């Protein structure tokens, strides 16, 4: 009886693990699509590829955690449009540091702008 229960649990966990990449996959979209159909993408995780402009970095120490936080604000231009983005991380965790002119793929929640969760330099 116990072996059967363990087998069912194992099969269930393997099945869920196979579905995880599907659930976390973000759609690669153009900025013009985000701007043309904002309600279709609202709160969804999307990917945008383009060039960084208007880069700004802010550092501050968290009042409760006392950890140094880095917030990088920038625009992403993919040739079809531009979108504002913000990437917040703990500085000591070694976030990807950006600069104007970088070609990147960013992934984040669309809220009229991008709340970036991951950045990859291309």
N, C-alpha and C. Protein backbone atom coordinates (compact mmCIF):
# COMPACT_ATOMS: atom_id res chain seq x y z
N UNK A 1 0.82 -1.19 0.00
CA UNK A 1 0.00 0.00 0.00
C UNK A 1 0.87 1.27 0.00
N UNK A 2 1.91 1.24 0.85
CA UNK A 2 2.79 2.40 0.93
C UNK A 2 3.56 2.56 -0.39
N UNK A 3 4.02 1.45 -0.96
CA UNK A 3 4.74 1.53 -2.25
C UNK A 3 3.87 2.11 -3.34
N UNK A 4 2.61 1.73 -3.37
CA UNK A 4 1.68 2.27 -4.37
C UNK A 4 1.50 3.78 -4.18
N UNK A 5 1.35 4.21 -2.94
CA UNK A 5 1.20 5.64 -2.66
C UNK A 5 2.44 6.42 -3.06
N UNK A 6 3.61 5.87 -2.77
CA UNK A 6 4.86 6.53 -3.17
C UNK A 6 4.97 6.61 -4.68
N UNK A 7 4.54 5.55 -5.37
CA UNK A 7 4.58 5.54 -6.83
C UNK A 7 3.67 6.64 -7.41
N UNK A 8 2.47 6.78 -6.86
CA UNK A 8 1.54 7.81 -7.32
C UNK A 8 2.11 9.19 -7.08
N UNK A 9 2.72 9.40 -5.91
CA UNK A 9 3.32 10.70 -5.61
C UNK A 9 4.47 10.99 -6.56
N UNK A 10 5.32 9.99 -6.82
CA UNK A 10 6.46 10.17 -7.72
C UNK A 10 5.99 10.51 -9.13
N UNK A 11 4.99 9.82 -9.63
CA UNK A 11 4.47 10.08 -10.98
C UNK A 11 3.88 11.49 -11.05
N UNK A 12 3.18 11.89 -10.02
CA UNK A 12 2.59 13.23 -9.97
C UNK A 12 3.68 14.30 -9.99
N UNK A 13 4.72 14.12 -9.19
CA UNK A 13 5.80 15.10 -9.15
C UNK A 13 6.53 15.19 -10.48
N UNK A 14 6.78 14.07 -11.14
CA UNK A 14 7.43 14.08 -12.45
C UNK A 14 6.55 14.80 -13.47
N UNK A 15 5.26 14.54 -13.42
CA UNK A 15 4.33 15.20 -14.35
C UNK A 15 4.33 16.71 -14.14
N UNK A 16 4.31 17.15 -12.89
CA UNK A 16 4.34 18.59 -12.61
C UNK A 16 5.66 19.21 -13.03
N UNK A 17 6.76 18.50 -12.85
CA UNK A 17 8.07 19.02 -13.26
C UNK A 17 8.12 19.21 -14.77
N UNK A 18 7.47 18.36 -15.51
CA UNK A 18 7.45 18.50 -16.97
C UNK A 18 6.63 19.71 -17.40
N UNK A 19 5.62 20.06 -16.63
CA UNK A 19 4.77 21.20 -16.97
C UNK A 19 5.38 22.53 -16.55
N UNK A 20 6.31 22.54 -15.61
CA UNK A 20 6.88 23.77 -15.09
C UNK A 20 7.48 24.66 -16.17
N UNK A 21 8.31 24.15 -17.11
CA UNK A 21 8.85 25.03 -18.15
C UNK A 21 7.75 25.66 -19.01
N UNK A 22 6.67 24.95 -19.23
CA UNK A 22 5.57 25.48 -20.03
C UNK A 22 4.90 26.63 -19.29
N UNK A 23 4.69 26.46 -18.00
CA UNK A 23 4.01 27.48 -17.21
C UNK A 23 4.86 28.74 -17.06
N UNK A 24 6.18 28.59 -17.11
CA UNK A 24 7.05 29.74 -16.87
C UNK A 24 7.52 30.39 -18.17
N UNK A 25 7.23 29.82 -19.30
CA UNK A 25 7.70 30.37 -20.56
C UNK A 25 7.07 31.74 -20.82
N UNK A 26 7.89 32.67 -21.26
CA UNK A 26 7.41 34.01 -21.57
C UNK A 26 7.36 34.18 -23.09
N UNK A 27 6.35 34.90 -23.55
CA UNK A 27 6.21 35.17 -24.98
C UNK A 27 7.18 36.27 -25.39
N UNK A 28 7.91 36.07 -26.50
CA UNK A 28 8.72 37.12 -27.10
C UNK A 28 7.79 37.98 -27.93
N UNK A 29 7.71 39.27 -27.59
CA UNK A 29 6.78 40.18 -28.27
C UNK A 29 7.52 41.43 -28.71
N UNK A 30 6.92 42.14 -29.65
CA UNK A 30 7.46 43.44 -30.05
C UNK A 30 6.84 44.51 -29.15
N UNK A 31 7.56 45.58 -29.00
CA UNK A 31 7.06 46.68 -28.18
C UNK A 31 5.81 47.30 -28.82
N UNK A 32 5.77 47.34 -30.14
CA UNK A 32 4.57 47.88 -30.80
C UNK A 32 3.33 47.03 -30.47
N UNK A 33 3.50 45.70 -30.31
CA UNK A 33 2.37 44.85 -29.92
C UNK A 33 1.91 45.17 -28.50
N UNK A 34 2.89 45.38 -27.59
CA UNK A 34 2.53 45.75 -26.22
C UNK A 34 1.74 47.05 -26.19
N UNK A 35 2.18 48.02 -27.01
CA UNK A 35 1.53 49.32 -27.02
C UNK A 35 0.18 49.28 -27.73
N UNK A 36 0.04 48.43 -28.74
CA UNK A 36 -1.22 48.35 -29.48
C UNK A 36 -2.29 47.56 -28.72
N UNK A 37 -1.87 46.56 -27.93
CA UNK A 37 -2.81 45.68 -27.23
C UNK A 37 -2.45 45.56 -25.75
N UNK A 38 -2.40 46.68 -25.02
CA UNK A 38 -1.94 46.63 -23.63
C UNK A 38 -2.77 45.71 -22.73
N UNK A 39 -4.07 45.65 -22.93
CA UNK A 39 -4.91 44.80 -22.08
C UNK A 39 -4.64 43.32 -22.29
N UNK A 40 -4.24 42.93 -23.49
CA UNK A 40 -3.95 41.53 -23.78
C UNK A 40 -2.70 41.04 -23.04
N UNK A 41 -1.78 41.96 -22.74
CA UNK A 41 -0.52 41.59 -22.10
C UNK A 41 -0.44 41.99 -20.63
N UNK A 42 -1.42 42.72 -20.14
CA UNK A 42 -1.39 43.24 -18.77
C UNK A 42 -1.16 42.12 -17.76
N UNK A 43 -0.12 42.31 -16.92
CA UNK A 43 0.27 41.38 -15.85
C UNK A 43 0.85 40.06 -16.37
N UNK A 44 1.07 39.93 -17.66
CA UNK A 44 1.66 38.71 -18.21
C UNK A 44 3.17 38.87 -18.27
N UNK A 45 3.86 37.76 -18.20
CA UNK A 45 5.31 37.76 -18.34
C UNK A 45 5.64 37.70 -19.83
N UNK A 46 6.42 38.68 -20.28
CA UNK A 46 6.79 38.77 -21.69
C UNK A 46 8.30 38.97 -21.81
N UNK A 47 8.81 38.70 -23.00
CA UNK A 47 10.20 38.98 -23.33
C UNK A 47 10.25 40.01 -24.43
N UNK A 48 11.20 40.94 -24.31
CA UNK A 48 11.43 41.97 -25.33
C UNK A 48 12.92 42.01 -25.60
N UNK A 49 13.29 42.08 -26.87
CA UNK A 49 14.69 42.20 -27.26
C UNK A 49 14.91 43.56 -27.89
N UNK A 50 15.99 44.25 -27.48
CA UNK A 50 16.26 45.56 -28.05
C UNK A 50 17.51 46.19 -27.46
N UNK A 51 17.64 47.50 -27.69
CA UNK A 51 18.80 48.25 -27.24
C UNK A 51 18.43 49.15 -26.06
N UNK A 52 19.34 49.23 -25.08
CA UNK A 52 19.15 50.05 -23.89
C UNK A 52 19.49 51.51 -24.19
N UNK A 53 18.60 52.42 -23.78
CA UNK A 53 18.88 53.86 -23.82
C UNK A 53 18.36 54.47 -22.51
N UNK A 54 18.82 55.68 -22.21
CA UNK A 54 18.33 56.40 -21.03
C UNK A 54 18.61 55.70 -19.72
N UNK A 55 19.73 55.00 -19.64
CA UNK A 55 20.06 54.19 -18.46
C UNK A 55 20.31 55.05 -17.22
N UNK A 56 19.76 54.60 -16.08
CA UNK A 56 20.00 55.25 -14.78
C UNK A 56 20.11 54.16 -13.72
N UNK A 57 20.99 54.38 -12.73
CA UNK A 57 21.16 53.43 -11.63
C UNK A 57 20.92 54.15 -10.31
N UNK A 58 20.18 53.51 -9.43
CA UNK A 58 19.95 54.03 -8.08
C UNK A 58 20.40 52.96 -7.08
N UNK A 59 21.11 53.40 -6.06
CA UNK A 59 21.52 52.51 -4.96
C UNK A 59 20.85 53.00 -3.69
N UNK A 60 20.42 52.06 -2.86
CA UNK A 60 19.95 52.45 -1.53
C UNK A 60 20.05 51.24 -0.61
N UNK A 61 20.03 51.50 0.67
CA UNK A 61 20.08 50.46 1.68
C UNK A 61 18.66 50.24 2.19
N UNK A 62 18.22 48.97 2.17
CA UNK A 62 16.88 48.64 2.65
C UNK A 62 16.74 48.96 4.13
N UNK A 63 15.63 49.58 4.50
CA UNK A 63 15.44 50.01 5.90
C UNK A 63 15.32 48.82 6.85
N UNK A 64 14.71 47.74 6.42
CA UNK A 64 14.57 46.56 7.28
C UNK A 64 15.71 45.57 7.08
N UNK A 65 16.05 45.30 5.84
CA UNK A 65 17.04 44.27 5.54
C UNK A 65 18.48 44.75 5.70
N UNK A 66 18.69 46.06 5.57
CA UNK A 66 20.03 46.66 5.59
C UNK A 66 20.91 46.15 4.45
N UNK A 67 20.30 45.63 3.39
CA UNK A 67 21.03 45.17 2.23
C UNK A 67 21.03 46.25 1.16
N UNK A 68 22.14 46.34 0.40
CA UNK A 68 22.24 47.33 -0.66
C UNK A 68 21.42 46.86 -1.86
N UNK A 69 20.54 47.72 -2.33
CA UNK A 69 19.69 47.39 -3.47
C UNK A 69 20.08 48.26 -4.66
N UNK A 70 20.08 47.66 -5.83
CA UNK A 70 20.38 48.35 -7.08
C UNK A 70 19.11 48.35 -7.93
N UNK A 71 18.68 49.52 -8.33
CA UNK A 71 17.54 49.62 -9.23
C UNK A 71 18.03 50.28 -10.51
N UNK A 72 17.92 49.54 -11.62
CA UNK A 72 18.34 50.04 -12.91
C UNK A 72 17.09 50.40 -13.72
N UNK A 73 16.99 51.65 -14.11
CA UNK A 73 15.88 52.11 -14.93
C UNK A 73 16.41 52.43 -16.32
N UNK A 74 15.64 52.10 -17.35
CA UNK A 74 16.08 52.31 -18.72
C UNK A 74 14.92 52.18 -19.69
N UNK A 75 15.18 52.53 -20.93
CA UNK A 75 14.24 52.31 -22.02
C UNK A 75 14.79 51.19 -22.89
N UNK A 76 13.91 50.38 -23.44
CA UNK A 76 14.29 49.35 -24.41
C UNK A 76 13.68 49.76 -25.74
N UNK A 77 14.51 49.80 -26.78
CA UNK A 77 14.07 50.15 -28.15
C UNK A 77 14.30 48.95 -29.05
N UNK A 78 13.22 48.38 -29.59
CA UNK A 78 13.36 47.23 -30.48
C UNK A 78 13.16 47.58 -31.95
N UNK A 79 13.11 48.87 -32.26
CA UNK A 79 12.89 49.30 -33.63
C UNK A 79 11.42 49.51 -33.96
N UNK A 80 10.52 48.88 -33.20
CA UNK A 80 9.09 49.08 -33.43
C UNK A 80 8.51 50.05 -32.41
N UNK A 81 9.30 50.35 -31.37
CA UNK A 81 8.85 51.26 -30.32
C UNK A 81 9.80 51.20 -29.15
N UNK A 82 9.49 52.00 -28.12
CA UNK A 82 10.30 52.04 -26.91
C UNK A 82 9.41 51.81 -25.71
N UNK A 83 9.97 51.16 -24.68
CA UNK A 83 9.22 50.90 -23.46
C UNK A 83 10.11 51.14 -22.26
N UNK A 84 9.53 51.70 -21.21
CA UNK A 84 10.24 51.93 -19.96
C UNK A 84 10.36 50.61 -19.21
N UNK A 85 11.52 50.40 -18.57
CA UNK A 85 11.74 49.17 -17.82
C UNK A 85 12.49 49.48 -16.54
N UNK A 86 12.29 48.64 -15.54
CA UNK A 86 12.97 48.78 -14.26
C UNK A 86 13.41 47.39 -13.80
N UNK A 87 14.69 47.30 -13.39
CA UNK A 87 15.27 46.03 -12.95
C UNK A 87 15.86 46.23 -11.57
N UNK A 88 15.25 45.62 -10.55
CA UNK A 88 15.69 45.75 -9.17
C UNK A 88 16.32 44.46 -8.70
N UNK A 89 17.45 44.58 -7.99
CA UNK A 89 18.14 43.40 -7.48
C UNK A 89 19.00 43.80 -6.29
N UNK A 90 19.42 42.81 -5.52
CA UNK A 90 20.39 43.05 -4.45
C UNK A 90 21.75 43.22 -5.10
N UNK A 91 22.44 44.30 -4.80
CA UNK A 91 23.74 44.59 -5.43
C UNK A 91 24.74 43.48 -5.17
N UNK A 92 24.75 42.92 -3.96
CA UNK A 92 25.73 41.91 -3.61
C UNK A 92 25.47 40.57 -4.30
N UNK A 93 24.32 40.41 -4.93
CA UNK A 93 24.01 39.16 -5.66
C UNK A 93 24.54 39.21 -7.09
N UNK A 94 25.20 40.28 -7.46
CA UNK A 94 25.83 40.38 -8.77
C UNK A 94 24.84 40.43 -9.93
N UNK A 95 23.89 41.38 -9.90
CA UNK A 95 22.94 41.48 -11.01
C UNK A 95 23.67 41.86 -12.31
N UNK A 96 23.05 41.57 -13.43
CA UNK A 96 23.58 42.01 -14.71
C UNK A 96 23.55 43.53 -14.72
N UNK A 97 24.71 44.15 -14.89
CA UNK A 97 24.78 45.60 -14.94
C UNK A 97 24.73 46.05 -16.39
N UNK A 98 23.87 46.99 -16.65
CA UNK A 98 23.61 47.44 -18.02
C UNK A 98 24.23 48.80 -18.27
N UNK A 99 24.22 49.21 -19.55
CA UNK A 99 24.65 50.56 -19.93
C UNK A 99 23.98 50.89 -21.25
N UNK A 100 23.94 52.19 -21.56
CA UNK A 100 23.37 52.62 -22.84
C UNK A 100 24.07 51.90 -23.99
N UNK A 101 23.30 51.46 -24.96
CA UNK A 101 23.84 50.79 -26.13
C UNK A 101 23.87 49.28 -26.03
N UNK A 102 23.67 48.71 -24.84
CA UNK A 102 23.65 47.25 -24.71
C UNK A 102 22.46 46.67 -25.48
N UNK A 103 22.69 45.57 -26.17
CA UNK A 103 21.63 44.79 -26.81
C UNK A 103 21.23 43.71 -25.81
N UNK A 104 19.95 43.67 -25.44
CA UNK A 104 19.50 42.77 -24.38
C UNK A 104 18.19 42.07 -24.74
N UNK A 105 17.94 41.01 -24.02
CA UNK A 105 16.62 40.40 -23.96
C UNK A 105 16.20 40.50 -22.51
N UNK A 106 15.08 41.15 -22.26
CA UNK A 106 14.57 41.30 -20.90
C UNK A 106 13.26 40.54 -20.78
N UNK A 107 13.06 39.99 -19.59
CA UNK A 107 11.83 39.25 -19.30
C UNK A 107 11.23 39.85 -18.04
N UNK A 108 9.95 40.15 -18.11
CA UNK A 108 9.30 40.71 -16.95
C UNK A 108 7.81 40.84 -17.11
N UNK A 109 7.17 41.29 -16.05
CA UNK A 109 5.72 41.51 -16.06
C UNK A 109 5.43 42.83 -16.76
N UNK A 110 4.43 42.81 -17.64
CA UNK A 110 4.02 44.02 -18.34
C UNK A 110 2.93 44.72 -17.53
N UNK A 111 3.23 45.95 -17.13
CA UNK A 111 2.31 46.77 -16.34
C UNK A 111 2.18 48.15 -16.96
N UNK A 112 2.22 48.22 -18.30
CA UNK A 112 2.31 49.51 -18.98
C UNK A 112 3.77 49.87 -19.17
N UNK A 113 4.61 49.27 -18.41
CA UNK A 113 6.07 49.29 -18.50
C UNK A 113 6.51 47.89 -18.09
N UNK A 114 7.79 47.60 -18.16
CA UNK A 114 8.26 46.26 -17.79
C UNK A 114 8.88 46.26 -16.40
N UNK A 115 8.38 45.38 -15.55
CA UNK A 115 8.98 45.10 -14.25
C UNK A 115 9.88 43.88 -14.50
N UNK A 116 11.15 44.15 -14.75
CA UNK A 116 12.08 43.14 -15.24
C UNK A 116 12.49 42.17 -14.14
N UNK A 117 12.43 40.89 -14.47
CA UNK A 117 12.85 39.82 -13.55
C UNK A 117 14.16 39.18 -13.99
N UNK A 118 14.45 39.22 -15.29
CA UNK A 118 15.67 38.61 -15.82
C UNK A 118 16.17 39.42 -17.02
N UNK A 119 17.50 39.53 -17.13
CA UNK A 119 18.13 40.25 -18.23
C UNK A 119 19.24 39.38 -18.80
N UNK A 120 19.33 39.35 -20.12
CA UNK A 120 20.41 38.67 -20.79
C UNK A 120 21.00 39.60 -21.84
N UNK A 121 22.32 39.85 -21.77
CA UNK A 121 22.96 40.65 -22.80
C UNK A 121 23.14 39.78 -24.03
N UNK A 122 22.81 40.34 -25.20
CA UNK A 122 22.93 39.59 -26.45
C UNK A 122 24.25 39.84 -27.12
